Amino acid sequence: MKISEFDYELPGELIAQQPLPERDSSRMLVLHRAERRWEDCTFRDLPSYLHPGDCLVLNESRVLPSRLYGHRAGHTGHIEVLLLHPVSGDSRTWQALVRPGRKMRTGDRLEFSPILHGTILGRGEHGERTVQLECDGDVYDAIEQTGHIPLPPYIKRADNPADRERYQTVFARERGSVAAPTAGLHFTPETLSRCQSAGAAIARVTLHVELGTFQPLHNDTIEENVLHSERYSITSETWSRIESAKRVLAVGTTSVRTIESAACTGKLSGDTQLFIYPGAKFHKVGAMLTNFHLPRTSLLILVCAFSGKDFALAAYRHAVEQRYRFFSYGDCVLII
């Protein structure tokens, strides 16, 4: 299969630049896989699609303000460092992406704020850097005070204080993601309560969003691509709840990959490079809530694997025609 098969035309004005005033006020396109039909609804309708015996699986990873701005010591030009994940036990050494990459070399000293500095220790095979952070006290406190919320590049504005709350799910707990598990952004505590009143159990898993979720696919043949690994974990109690459910509704592609990784490997924690594309078998996930995804990405390909490529792309064209809002701060899709 070719990546070029997973494409669609999207007017730029449909890319949501701001969240809606109310989290749960988004529109929701419901795809009925067996009947090959869709209906236009709102996210607040979600509980009406849930039944006793369902299990709603949430990714409780928390977004870290992992975008650091600063300059190289002795230089005035601006630099940007996106922290991906710690590679040392004390969380002071990180794998990171840097800009401008060609100018930042091993040994360079980086100045982010009066309380946070760094040094580039090395370079990876895909251009990422190993950066050692230096601060007094807890390194995560320094990152929280210095860093910016890593809004995706298609949001054409700087982050603001409101993004610290809105680009975070209400159930986020385990810090470690560099992008939000965006399907969860629509939920409020009231919505979760209504889902439980409908008979659905709630299960919480963790997958920390890194390059494996949002990296570009470099090879045009899908099967030749390998995703970067991402860390996931599921408690044994949560896995028992998932296994006993009549239907598992995964909230977001990250929850799908977490559940299916555990089902494929038998491991409830570890690193996953699972790339789900058409032809893959879904072992546990029976329904999915997700946002709209960029063309030619692993996320759109996963959606096509779950619902059928032609049906999914036709639904996306309908969403464009109906002026749905796309991507992180946009509307959502329920696939049942």
C-alpha atoms as a PDB file:
ATOM      1  CA  MET A   1       0.000   0.000   0.000  1.00  0.00           C
ATOM      2  CA  LYS A   2       1.092   3.552  -0.732  1.00  0.00           C
ATOM      3  CA  ILE A   3       0.834   6.440   1.711  1.00  0.00           C
ATOM      4  CA  SER A   4      -0.505   8.512  -1.171  1.00  0.00           C
ATOM      5  CA  GLU A   5      -3.719   6.438  -0.993  1.00  0.00           C
ATOM      6  CA  PHE A   6      -4.482   7.980   2.432  1.00  0.00           C
ATOM      7  CA  ASP A   7      -4.977  11.557   1.377  1.00  0.00           C
ATOM      8  CA  TYR A   8      -7.746  14.148   1.227  1.00  0.00           C
ATOM      9  CA  GLU A   9      -8.135  17.840   0.448  1.00  0.00           C
ATOM     10  CA  LEU A  10      -8.534  20.121   3.463  1.00  0.00           C
ATOM     11  CA  PRO A  11      -9.087  23.883   3.268  1.00  0.00           C
ATOM     12  CA  GLY A  12      -6.755  25.603   5.706  1.00  0.00           C
ATOM     13  CA  GLU A  13      -9.572  27.551   7.348  1.00  0.00           C
ATOM     14  CA  LEU A  14     -11.012  24.292   8.752  1.00  0.00           C
ATOM     15  CA  ILE A  15      -7.945  23.692  10.933  1.00  0.00           C
ATOM     16  CA  ALA A  16      -9.033  24.746  14.427  1.00  0.00           C
ATOM     17  CA  GLN A  17      -6.734  27.386  15.887  1.00  0.00           C
ATOM     18  CA  GLN A  18      -8.508  27.774  19.238  1.00  0.00           C
ATOM     19  CA  PRO A  19     -10.526  25.463  21.470  1.00  0.00           C
ATOM     20  CA  LEU A  20     -14.259  26.065  21.705  1.00  0.00           C
ATOM     21  CA  PRO A  21     -15.438  27.961  24.812  1.00  0.00           C
ATOM     22  CA  GLU A  22     -16.886  24.720  26.237  1.00  0.00           C
ATOM     23  CA  ARG A  23     -14.947  21.459  26.045  1.00  0.00           C
ATOM     24  CA  ASP A  24     -17.926  19.233  25.330  1.00  0.00           C
ATOM     25  CA  SER A  25     -19.573  21.422  22.671  1.00  0.00           C
ATOM     26  CA  SER A  26     -17.772  19.934  19.664  1.00  0.00           C
ATOM     27  CA  ARG A  27     -19.548  18.247  16.814  1.00  0.00           C
ATOM     28  CA  MET A  28     -19.221  14.469  16.466  1.00  0.00           C
ATOM     29  CA  LEU A  29     -19.423  12.506  13.223  1.00  0.00           C
ATOM     30  CA  VAL A  30     -20.657   8.982  13.992  1.00  0.00           C
ATOM     31  CA  LEU A  31     -19.526   6.242  11.602  1.00  0.00           C
ATOM     32  CA  HIS A  32     -21.503   2.983  11.565  1.00  0.00           C
ATOM     33  CA  ARG A  33     -19.032   0.490  10.107  1.00  0.00           C
ATOM     34  CA  ALA A  34     -21.348  -2.439   9.396  1.00  0.00           C
ATOM     35  CA  GLU A  35     -23.987  -0.296   7.692  1.00  0.00           C
ATOM     36  CA  ARG A  36     -21.479   1.971   5.937  1.00  0.00           C
ATOM     37  CA  ARG A  37     -23.344   5.107   6.958  1.00  0.00           C
ATOM     38  CA  TRP A  38     -22.692   8.152   9.080  1.00  0.00           C
ATOM     39  CA  GLU A  39     -24.684  10.722  11.029  1.00  0.00           C
ATOM     40  CA  ASP A  40     -23.906  14.226  12.234  1.00  0.00           C
ATOM     41  CA  CYS A  41     -24.179  14.554  16.014  1.00  0.00           C
ATOM     42  CA  THR A  42     -22.525  16.398  18.876  1.00  0.00           C
ATOM     43  CA  PHE A  43     -20.049  15.109  21.434  1.00  0.00           C
ATOM     44  CA  ARG A  44     -22.673  15.488  24.161  1.00  0.00           C
ATOM     45  CA  ASP A  45     -24.553  12.642  22.416  1.00  0.00           C
ATOM     46  CA  LEU A  46     -21.737  10.192  23.244  1.00  0.00           C
ATOM     47  CA  PRO A  47     -23.422   8.605  26.313  1.00  0.00           C
ATOM     48  CA  SER A  48     -26.423   7.628  24.163  1.00  0.00           C
ATOM     49  CA  TYR A  49     -24.117   5.308  22.174  1.00  0.00           C
ATOM     50  CA  LEU A  50     -22.899   3.508  25.295  1.00  0.00           C
ATOM     51  CA  HIS A  51     -24.449   0.433  26.876  1.00  0.00           C
ATOM     52  CA  PRO A  52     -23.998  -1.716  29.980  1.00  0.00           C
ATOM     53  CA  GLY A  53     -20.950  -3.898  29.489  1.00  0.00           C
ATOM     54  CA  ASP A  54     -19.028  -1.247  27.557  1.00  0.00           C
ATOM     55  CA  CYS A  55     -15.610  -0.134  28.758  1.00  0.00           C
ATOM     56  CA  LEU A  56     -14.455   3.381  27.928  1.00  0.00           C
ATOM     57  CA  VAL A  57     -10.636   3.463  27.864  1.00  0.00           C
ATOM     58  CA  LEU A  58      -8.896   6.798  28.514  1.00  0.00           C
ATOM     59  CA  ASN A  59      -5.231   7.699  28.095  1.00  0.00           C
ATOM     60  CA  GLU A  60      -4.327   9.605  31.252  1.00  0.00           C
ATOM     61  CA  SER A  61      -0.922  10.802  30.045  1.00  0.00           C
ATOM     62  CA  ARG A  62      -0.261  14.424  30.901  1.00  0.00           C
ATOM     63  CA  VAL A  63       1.325  16.921  28.501  1.00  0.00           C
ATOM     64  CA  LEU A  64       4.587  18.393  29.720  1.00  0.00           C
ATOM     65  CA  PRO A  65       5.380  22.046  28.833  1.00  0.00           C
ATOM     66  CA  SER A  66       8.265  20.546  26.903  1.00  0.00           C
ATOM     67  CA  ARG A  67       9.001  23.310  24.380  1.00  0.00           C
ATOM     68  CA  LEU A  68      11.945  25.354  25.607  1.00  0.00           C
ATOM     69  CA  TYR A  69      13.005  28.645  24.007  1.00  0.00           C
ATOM     70  CA  GLY A  70      16.385  30.223  24.563  1.00  0.00           C
ATOM     71  CA  HIS A  71      19.764  30.856  22.963  1.00  0.00           C
ATOM     72  CA  ARG A  72      23.196  29.301  22.753  1.00  0.00           C
ATOM     73  CA  ALA A  73      25.694  30.685  25.232  1.00  0.00           C
ATOM     74  CA  GLY A  74      27.613  33.488  23.538  1.00  0.00           C
ATOM     75  CA  HIS A  75      25.040  33.901  20.758  1.00  0.00           C
ATOM     76  CA  THR A  76      21.895  36.000  20.387  1.00  0.00           C
ATOM     77  CA  GLY A  77      19.954  33.890  17.875  1.00  0.00           C
ATOM     78  CA  HIS A  78      16.841  32.149  19.167  1.00  0.00           C
ATOM     79  CA  ILE A  79      16.751  28.373  19.577  1.00  0.00           C
ATOM     80  CA  GLU A  80      13.972  25.901  20.297  1.00  0.00           C
ATOM     81  CA  VAL A  81      14.290  22.559  22.076  1.00  0.00           C
ATOM     82  CA  LEU A  82      11.422  20.067  22.239  1.00  0.00           C
ATOM     83  CA  LEU A  83      12.006  17.550  25.026  1.00  0.00           C
ATOM     84  CA  LEU A  84      10.830  14.065  24.027  1.00  0.00           C
ATOM     85  CA  HIS A  85      11.635  11.791  26.960  1.00  0.00           C
ATOM     86  CA  PRO A  86      14.237  11.410  29.715  1.00  0.00           C
ATOM     87  CA  VAL A  87      17.042   8.925  29.104  1.00  0.00           C
ATOM     88  CA  SER A  88      18.590   9.041  32.585  1.00  0.00           C
ATOM     89  CA  GLY A  89      17.248   7.929  35.927  1.00  0.00           C
ATOM     90  CA  ASP A  90      17.398  11.430  37.383  1.00  0.00           C
ATOM     91  CA  SER A  91      15.431  12.872  34.393  1.00  0.00           C
ATOM     92  CA  ARG A  92      18.161  15.429  33.716  1.00  0.00           C
ATOM     93  CA  THR A  93      19.268  13.932  30.393  1.00  0.00           C
ATOM     94  CA  TRP A  94      16.718  13.959  27.581  1.00  0.00           C
ATOM     95  CA  GLN A  95      16.250  12.991  23.988  1.00  0.00           C
ATOM     96  CA  ALA A  96      15.104  16.136  22.202  1.00  0.00           C
ATOM     97  CA  LEU A  97      14.477  17.803  18.867  1.00  0.00           C
ATOM     98  CA  VAL A  98      16.286  21.084  18.302  1.00  0.00           C
ATOM     99  CA  ARG A  99      15.892  24.050  15.959  1.00  0.00           C
ATOM    100  CA  PRO A 100      17.860  25.295  14.101  1.00  0.00           C
ATOM    101  CA  GLY A 101      19.413  21.850  14.001  1.00  0.00           C
ATOM    102  CA  ARG A 102      22.402  22.632  11.798  1.00  0.00           C
ATOM    103  CA  LYS A 103      23.667  25.317  14.154  1.00  0.00           C
ATOM    104  CA  MET A 104      23.477  23.342  17.389  1.00  0.00           C
ATOM    105  CA  ARG A 105      26.409  21.011  17.920  1.00  0.00           C
ATOM    106  CA  THR A 106      27.648  18.635  20.586  1.00  0.00           C
ATOM    107  CA  GLY A 107      29.097  20.602  23.477  1.00  0.00           C
ATOM    108  CA  ASP A 108      26.993  23.714  22.931  1.00  0.00           C
ATOM    109  CA  ARG A 109      25.690  25.353  26.096  1.00  0.00           C
ATOM    110  CA  LEU A 110      22.024  26.346  26.048  1.00  0.00           C
ATOM    111  CA  GLU A 111      20.390  29.106  28.102  1.00  0.00           C
ATOM    112  CA  PHE A 112      16.629  28.753  28.608  1.00  0.00           C
ATOM    113  CA  SER A 113      15.918  30.840  31.719  1.00  0.00           C
ATOM    114  CA  PRO A 114      17.683  32.004  34.868  1.00  0.00           C
ATOM    115  CA  ILE A 115      16.777  28.678  36.487  1.00  0.00           C
ATOM    116  CA  LEU A 116      17.254  26.233  33.579  1.00  0.00           C
ATOM    117  CA  HIS A 117      20.269  25.602  31.333  1.00  0.00           C
ATOM    118  CA  GLY A 118      21.478  22.731  29.187  1.00  0.00           C
ATOM    119  CA  THR A 119      24.295  21.152  27.214  1.00  0.00           C
ATOM    120  CA  ILE A 120      24.080  19.137  23.995  1.00  0.00           C
ATOM    121  CA  LEU A 121      25.766  15.788  24.628  1.00  0.00           C
ATOM    122  CA  GLY A 122      25.256  14.022  21.315  1.00  0.00           C
ATOM    123  CA  ARG A 123      23.259  13.504  18.122  1.00  0.00           C
ATOM    124  CA  GLY A 124      20.956  10.634  17.100  1.00  0.00           C
ATOM    125  CA  GLU A 125      20.517   8.975  13.728  1.00  0.00           C
ATOM    126  CA  HIS A 126      17.304  10.915  12.931  1.00  0.00           C
ATOM    127  CA  GLY A 127      18.676  14.321  13.914  1.00  0.00           C
ATOM    128  CA  GLU A 128      17.461  14.289  17.516  1.00  0.00           C
ATOM    129  CA  ARG A 129      19.876  15.434  20.218  1.00  0.00           C
ATOM    130  CA  THR A 130      20.742  14.271  23.699  1.00  0.00           C
ATOM    131  CA  VAL A 131      20.463  17.267  26.017  1.00  0.00           C
ATOM    132  CA  GLN A 132      21.565  17.434  29.639  1.00  0.00           C
ATOM    133  CA  LEU A 133      19.503  19.864  31.723  1.00  0.00           C
ATOM    134  CA  GLU A 134      20.979  21.809  34.614  1.00  0.00           C
ATOM    135  CA  CYS A 135      19.036  23.490  37.400  1.00  0.00           C
ATOM    136  CA  ASP A 136      18.855  23.852  41.145  1.00  0.00           C
ATOM    137  CA  GLY A 137      16.157  21.688  42.680  1.00  0.00           C
ATOM    138  CA  ASP A 138      13.637  19.479  40.900  1.00  0.00           C
ATOM    139  CA  VAL A 139      14.109  19.369  37.126  1.00  0.00           C
ATOM    140  CA  TYR A 140      10.379  18.993  36.437  1.00  0.00           C
ATOM    141  CA  ASP A 141       9.634  22.104  38.494  1.00  0.00           C
ATOM    142  CA  ALA A 142      12.149  24.015  36.359  1.00  0.00           C
ATOM    143  CA  ILE A 143      10.568  22.672  33.139  1.00  0.00           C
ATOM    144  CA  GLU A 144       7.083  23.612  34.366  1.00  0.00           C
ATOM    145  CA  GLN A 145       8.217  27.161  35.122  1.00  0.00           C
ATOM    146  CA  THR A 146      10.272  27.643  31.956  1.00  0.00           C
ATOM    147  CA  GLY A 147       8.626  25.535  29.267  1.00  0.00           C
ATOM    148  CA  HIS A 148       5.790  26.205  26.848  1.00  0.00           C
ATOM    149  CA  ILE A 149       2.904  23.939  25.876  1.00  0.00           C
ATOM    150  CA  PRO A 150       3.986  22.190  22.632  1.00  0.00           C
ATOM    151  CA  LEU A 151       1.107  23.147  20.368  1.00  0.00           C
ATOM    152  CA  PRO A 152       1.378  21.387  16.980  1.00  0.00           C
ATOM    153  CA  PRO A 153       2.781  23.356  14.023  1.00  0.00           C
ATOM    154  CA  TYR A 154      -0.569  23.611  12.214  1.00  0.00           C
ATOM    155  CA  ILE A 155      -1.795  25.883  15.028  1.00  0.00           C
ATOM    156  CA  LYS A 156      -0.404  29.132  13.706  1.00  0.00           C
ATOM    157  CA  ARG A 157      -0.059  31.052  16.942  1.00  0.00           C
ATOM    158  CA  ALA A 158       2.030  31.067  20.062  1.00  0.00           C
ATOM    159  CA  ASP A 159       0.795  29.178  23.083  1.00  0.00           C
ATOM    160  CA  ASN A 160      -0.936  31.205  25.786  1.00  0.00           C
ATOM    161  CA  PRO A 161      -1.708  30.601  29.482  1.00  0.00           C
ATOM    162  CA  ALA A 162      -5.142  29.150  28.655  1.00  0.00           C
ATOM    163  CA  ASP A 163      -3.508  26.343  26.646  1.00  0.00           C
ATOM    164  CA  ARG A 164      -1.983  24.945  29.827  1.00  0.00           C
ATOM    165  CA  GLU A 165      -5.486  23.917  30.846  1.00  0.00           C
ATOM    166  CA  ARG A 166      -7.226  23.377  27.499  1.00  0.00           C
ATOM    167  CA  TYR A 167      -4.448  21.356  25.802  1.00  0.00           C
ATOM    168  CA  GLN A 168      -4.756  18.869  28.653  1.00  0.00           C
ATOM    169  CA  THR A 169      -7.480  16.341  29.354  1.00  0.00           C
ATOM    170  CA  VAL A 170      -9.437  16.691  32.593  1.00  0.00           C
ATOM    171  CA  PHE A 171      -8.275  13.187  33.568  1.00  0.00           C
ATOM    172  CA  ALA A 172      -4.543  13.701  32.776  1.00  0.00           C
ATOM    173  CA  ARG A 173      -2.312  12.413  35.549  1.00  0.00           C
ATOM    174  CA  GLU A 174       0.934  10.768  34.397  1.00  0.00           C
ATOM    175  CA  ARG A 175       3.269  13.447  33.002  1.00  0.00           C
ATOM    176  CA  GLY A 176       5.271  12.537  29.927  1.00  0.00           C
ATOM    177  CA  SER A 177       3.557  13.447  26.635  1.00  0.00           C
ATOM    178  CA  VAL A 178       4.795  16.021  24.136  1.00  0.00           C
ATOM    179  CA  ALA A 179       1.356  16.221  22.469  1.00  0.00           C
ATOM    180  CA  ALA A 180      -2.126  15.811  23.883  1.00  0.00           C
ATOM    181  CA  PRO A 181      -4.160  12.630  23.344  1.00  0.00           C
ATOM    182  CA  THR A 182      -6.641  14.928  21.654  1.00  0.00           C
ATOM    183  CA  ALA A 183      -9.768  12.751  21.583  1.00  0.00           C
ATOM    184  CA  GLY A 184      -9.840  13.104  25.359  1.00  0.00           C
ATOM    185  CA  LEU A 185      -9.906  16.910  25.234  1.00  0.00           C
ATOM    186  CA  HIS A 186     -13.695  16.895  24.719  1.00  0.00           C
ATOM    187  CA  PHE A 187     -14.498  15.238  28.044  1.00  0.00           C
ATOM    188  CA  THR A 188     -15.691  17.021  31.154  1.00  0.00           C
ATOM    189  CA  PRO A 189     -16.297  15.408  34.546  1.00  0.00           C
ATOM    190  CA  GLU A 190     -20.028  15.646  33.807  1.00  0.00           C
ATOM    191  CA  THR A 191     -19.634  13.757  30.522  1.00  0.00           C
ATOM    192  CA  LEU A 192     -17.691  10.988  32.223  1.00  0.00           C
ATOM    193  CA  SER A 193     -20.416  10.731  34.853  1.00  0.00           C
ATOM    194  CA  ARG A 194     -23.082  10.458  32.136  1.00  0.00           C
ATOM    195  CA  CYS A 195     -21.072   7.722  30.401  1.00  0.00           C
ATOM    196  CA  GLN A 196     -20.997   5.758  33.646  1.00  0.00           C
ATOM    197  CA  SER A 197     -24.723   6.335  34.151  1.00  0.00           C
ATOM    198  CA  ALA A 198     -25.233   4.774  30.722  1.00  0.00           C
ATOM    199  CA  GLY A 199     -23.596   1.617  32.053  1.00  0.00           C
ATOM    200  CA  ALA A 200     -20.031   2.018  30.769  1.00  0.00           C
ATOM    201  CA  ALA A 201     -17.051   1.215  32.952  1.00  0.00           C
ATOM    202  CA  ILE A 202     -14.086   3.604  32.863  1.00  0.00           C
ATOM    203  CA  ALA A 203     -10.541   2.277  32.438  1.00  0.00           C
ATOM    204  CA  ARG A 204      -7.383   4.376  32.430  1.00  0.00           C
ATOM    205  CA  VAL A 205      -4.183   3.490  30.597  1.00  0.00           C
ATOM    206  CA  THR A 206      -1.033   5.463  29.813  1.00  0.00           C
ATOM    207  CA  LEU A 207       0.801   5.994  26.556  1.00  0.00           C
ATOM    208  CA  HIS A 208       3.180   8.935  26.463  1.00  0.00           C
ATOM    209  CA  VAL A 209       2.831  10.646  23.103  1.00  0.00           C
ATOM    210  CA  GLU A 210       6.186  11.043  21.354  1.00  0.00           C
ATOM    211  CA  LEU A 211       7.531  10.769  17.813  1.00  0.00           C
ATOM    212  CA  GLY A 212       5.767   7.457  17.205  1.00  0.00           C
ATOM    213  CA  THR A 213       2.419   9.251  17.149  1.00  0.00           C
ATOM    214  CA  PHE A 214       3.157  12.393  15.165  1.00  0.00           C
ATOM    215  CA  GLN A 215       6.305  11.672  13.117  1.00  0.00           C
ATOM    216  CA  PRO A 216       6.038  11.939   9.318  1.00  0.00           C
ATOM    217  CA  LEU A 217       6.153   8.680   7.374  1.00  0.00           C
ATOM    218  CA  HIS A 218       9.273   8.818   5.220  1.00  0.00           C
ATOM    219  CA  ASN A 219       8.756   5.810   2.937  1.00  0.00           C
ATOM    220  CA  ASP A 220       5.876   5.958   0.464  1.00  0.00           C
ATOM    221  CA  THR A 221       5.258   2.220   0.856  1.00  0.00           C
ATOM    222  CA  ILE A 222       3.416   1.834   4.155  1.00  0.00           C
ATOM    223  CA  GLU A 223       4.940  -1.494   5.118  1.00  0.00           C
ATOM    224  CA  GLU A 224       8.472  -0.069   4.905  1.00  0.00           C
ATOM    225  CA  ASN A 225       7.839   2.460   7.687  1.00  0.00           C
ATOM    226  CA  VAL A 226       8.803   1.833  11.304  1.00  0.00           C
ATOM    227  CA  LEU A 227       7.413   4.052  14.073  1.00  0.00           C
ATOM    228  CA  HIS A 228       9.520   5.381  16.921  1.00  0.00           C
ATOM    229  CA  SER A 229       8.837   3.571  20.181  1.00  0.00           C
ATOM    230  CA  GLU A 230       6.551   5.068  22.829  1.00  0.00           C
ATOM    231  CA  ARG A 231       6.136   4.087  26.472  1.00  0.00           C
ATOM    232  CA  TYR A 232       2.868   2.570  27.675  1.00  0.00           C
ATOM    233  CA  SER A 233       1.530   0.960  30.831  1.00  0.00           C
ATOM    234  CA  ILE A 234      -1.669  -0.733  31.998  1.00  0.00           C
ATOM    235  CA  THR A 235      -2.351  -2.024  35.490  1.00  0.00           C
ATOM    236  CA  SER A 236      -3.446  -5.634  35.872  1.00  0.00           C
ATOM    237  CA  GLU A 237      -6.739  -4.454  37.369  1.00  0.00           C
ATOM    238  CA  THR A 238      -7.395  -2.247  34.350  1.00  0.00           C
ATOM    239  CA  TRP A 239      -6.523  -5.070  31.957  1.00  0.00           C
ATOM    240  CA  SER A 240      -8.993  -7.358  33.698  1.00  0.00           C
ATOM    241  CA  ARG A 241     -11.668  -4.716  33.240  1.00  0.00           C
ATOM    242  CA  ILE A 242     -10.812  -4.437  29.533  1.00  0.00           C
ATOM    243  CA  GLU A 243     -10.812  -8.195  29.024  1.00  0.00           C
ATOM    244  CA  SER A 244     -14.182  -8.654  30.714  1.00  0.00           C
ATOM    245  CA  ALA A 245     -15.925  -5.888  28.747  1.00  0.00           C
ATOM    246  CA  LYS A 246     -18.545  -6.719  26.133  1.00  0.00           C
ATOM    247  CA  ARG A 247     -17.211  -3.865  24.003  1.00  0.00           C
ATOM    248  CA  VAL A 248     -14.081  -1.754  24.415  1.00  0.00           C
ATOM    249  CA  LEU A 249     -14.413   1.862  23.252  1.00  0.00           C
ATOM    250  CA  ALA A 250     -10.935   3.362  23.013  1.00  0.00           C
ATOM    251  CA  VAL A 251     -10.706   7.135  23.401  1.00  0.00           C
ATOM    252  CA  GLY A 252      -8.026   8.164  20.922  1.00  0.00           C
ATOM    253  CA  THR A 253      -5.554   6.366  18.706  1.00  0.00           C
ATOM    254  CA  THR A 254      -3.080   6.301  21.604  1.00  0.00           C
ATOM    255  CA  SER A 255      -5.509   4.224  23.676  1.00  0.00           C
ATOM    256  CA  VAL A 256      -6.021   1.933  20.675  1.00  0.00           C
ATOM    257  CA  ARG A 257      -2.281   1.375  20.316  1.00  0.00           C
ATOM    258  CA  THR A 258      -1.876   0.797  24.058  1.00  0.00           C
ATOM    259  CA  ILE A 259      -4.641  -1.806  24.216  1.00  0.00           C
ATOM    260  CA  GLU A 260      -3.637  -3.572  21.022  1.00  0.00           C
ATOM    261  CA  SER A 261       0.060  -3.561  21.990  1.00  0.00           C
ATOM    262  CA  ALA A 262      -0.774  -5.339  25.235  1.00  0.00           C
ATOM    263  CA  ALA A 263      -3.068  -7.781  23.424  1.00  0.00           C
ATOM    264  CA  CYS A 264      -0.396  -8.617  20.835  1.00  0.00           C
ATOM    265  CA  THR A 265       2.553  -8.988  23.209  1.00  0.00           C
ATOM    266  CA  GLY A 266       0.963 -10.030  26.489  1.00  0.00           C
ATOM    267  CA  LYS A 267       2.975  -7.255  28.175  1.00  0.00           C
ATOM    268  CA  LEU A 268       1.123  -4.644  30.226  1.00  0.00           C
ATOM    269  CA  SER A 269       3.975  -2.150  30.085  1.00  0.00           C
ATOM    270  CA  GLY A 270       6.974  -1.362  27.949  1.00  0.00           C
ATOM    271  CA  ASP A 271       7.756   0.306  24.654  1.00  0.00           C
ATOM    272  CA  THR A 272       5.619  -0.075  21.567  1.00  0.00           C
ATOM    273  CA  GLN A 273       6.300   0.540  17.878  1.00  0.00           C
ATOM    274  CA  LEU A 274       2.955  -0.895  16.827  1.00  0.00           C
ATOM    275  CA  PHE A 275       1.931   0.452  13.419  1.00  0.00           C
ATOM    276  CA  ILE A 276      -1.671  -0.440  12.604  1.00  0.00           C
ATOM    277  CA  TYR A 277      -2.605  -0.296   8.922  1.00  0.00           C
ATOM    278  CA  PRO A 278      -5.310  -1.949   6.759  1.00  0.00           C
ATOM    279  CA  GLY A 279      -5.205  -5.707   7.084  1.00  0.00           C
ATOM    280  CA  ALA A 280      -4.335  -5.615  10.789  1.00  0.00           C
ATOM    281  CA  LYS A 281      -6.509  -7.524  13.244  1.00  0.00           C
ATOM    282  CA  PHE A 282      -8.002  -5.647  16.190  1.00  0.00           C
ATOM    283  CA  HIS A 283      -7.891  -8.003  19.174  1.00  0.00           C
ATOM    284  CA  LYS A 284      -9.719  -5.955  21.811  1.00  0.00           C
ATOM    285  CA  VAL A 285     -10.924  -2.591  20.486  1.00  0.00           C
ATOM    286  CA  GLY A 286     -14.517  -2.647  19.265  1.00  0.00           C
ATOM    287  CA  ALA A 287     -15.219   1.093  18.942  1.00  0.00           C
ATOM    288  CA  MET A 288     -13.156   4.251  18.815  1.00  0.00           C
ATOM    289  CA  LEU A 289     -13.527   7.954  19.542  1.00  0.00           C
ATOM    290  CA  THR A 290     -10.914  10.043  17.766  1.00  0.00           C
ATOM    291  CA  ASN A 291     -10.294  13.474  16.333  1.00  0.00           C
ATOM    292  CA  PHE A 292      -9.762  14.160  12.635  1.00  0.00           C
ATOM    293  CA  HIS A 293      -6.193  13.450  11.523  1.00  0.00           C
ATOM    294  CA  LEU A 294      -3.761  14.879   9.018  1.00  0.00           C
ATOM    295  CA  PRO A 295      -3.504  13.295   5.557  1.00  0.00           C
ATOM    296  CA  ARG A 296      -0.812  10.656   4.963  1.00  0.00           C
ATOM    297  CA  THR A 297      -0.175  10.006   8.658  1.00  0.00           C
ATOM    298  CA  SER A 298      -0.047   6.844  10.741  1.00  0.00           C
ATOM    299  CA  LEU A 299      -3.085   8.107  12.678  1.00  0.00           C
ATOM    300  CA  LEU A 300      -5.310   8.411   9.611  1.00  0.00           C
ATOM    301  CA  ILE A 301      -4.036   5.032   8.422  1.00  0.00           C
ATOM    302  CA  LEU A 302      -5.038   3.489  11.767  1.00  0.00           C
ATOM    303  CA  VAL A 303      -8.552   4.941  11.409  1.00  0.00           C
ATOM    304  CA  CYS A 304      -8.760   3.507   7.891  1.00  0.00           C
ATOM    305  CA  ALA A 305      -7.660   0.117   9.202  1.00  0.00           C
ATOM    306  CA  PHE A 306     -10.467   0.175  11.758  1.00  0.00           C
ATOM    307  CA  SER A 307     -13.320   1.484   9.611  1.00  0.00           C
ATOM    308  CA  GLY A 308     -12.239   0.687   6.054  1.00  0.00           C
ATOM    309  CA  LYS A 309     -10.201   3.027   3.871  1.00  0.00           C
ATOM    310  CA  ASP A 310     -12.828   4.003   1.303  1.00  0.00           C
ATOM    311  CA  PHE A 311     -15.524   4.501   3.958  1.00  0.00           C
ATOM    312  CA  ALA A 312     -13.238   6.558   6.210  1.00  0.00           C
ATOM    313  CA  LEU A 313     -12.028   8.818   3.415  1.00  0.00           C
ATOM    314  CA  ALA A 314     -15.595   9.330   2.174  1.00  0.00           C
ATOM    315  CA  ALA A 315     -16.578  10.349   5.717  1.00  0.00           C
ATOM    316  CA  TYR A 316     -13.665  12.800   5.823  1.00  0.00           C
ATOM    317  CA  ARG A 317     -14.846  14.358   2.562  1.00  0.00           C
ATOM    318  CA  HIS A 318     -18.310  14.707   4.106  1.00  0.00           C
ATOM    319  CA  ALA A 319     -16.756  16.387   7.157  1.00  0.00           C
ATOM    320  CA  VAL A 320     -14.978  18.880   4.906  1.00  0.00           C
ATOM    321  CA  GLU A 321     -18.215  19.619   3.049  1.00  0.00           C
ATOM    322  CA  GLN A 322     -20.059  20.130   6.352  1.00  0.00           C
ATOM    323  CA  ARG A 323     -17.326  22.419   7.689  1.00  0.00           C
ATOM    324  CA  TYR A 324     -16.246  20.332  10.650  1.00  0.00           C
ATOM    325  CA  ARG A 325     -13.273  21.676  12.611  1.00  0.00           C
ATOM    326  CA  PHE A 326     -10.106  19.600  12.175  1.00  0.00           C
ATOM    327  CA  PHE A 327      -7.184  18.348  14.253  1.00  0.00           C
ATOM    328  CA  SER A 328      -6.190  18.923  17.898  1.00  0.00           C
ATOM    329  CA  TYR A 329      -8.707  21.606  18.913  1.00  0.00           C
ATOM    330  CA  GLY A 330     -11.285  20.398  16.403  1.00  0.00           C
ATOM    331  CA  ASP A 331     -14.305  18.110  16.315  1.00  0.00           C
ATOM    332  CA  CYS A 332     -14.368  14.343  16.787  1.00  0.00           C
ATOM    333  CA  VAL A 333     -15.387  11.079  15.153  1.00  0.00           C
ATOM    334  CA  LEU A 334     -17.072   8.112  16.849  1.00  0.00           C
ATOM    335  CA  ILE A 335     -16.550   4.837  14.971  1.00  0.00           C
ATOM    336  CA  ILE A 336     -18.833   1.991  16.060  1.00  0.00           C
END
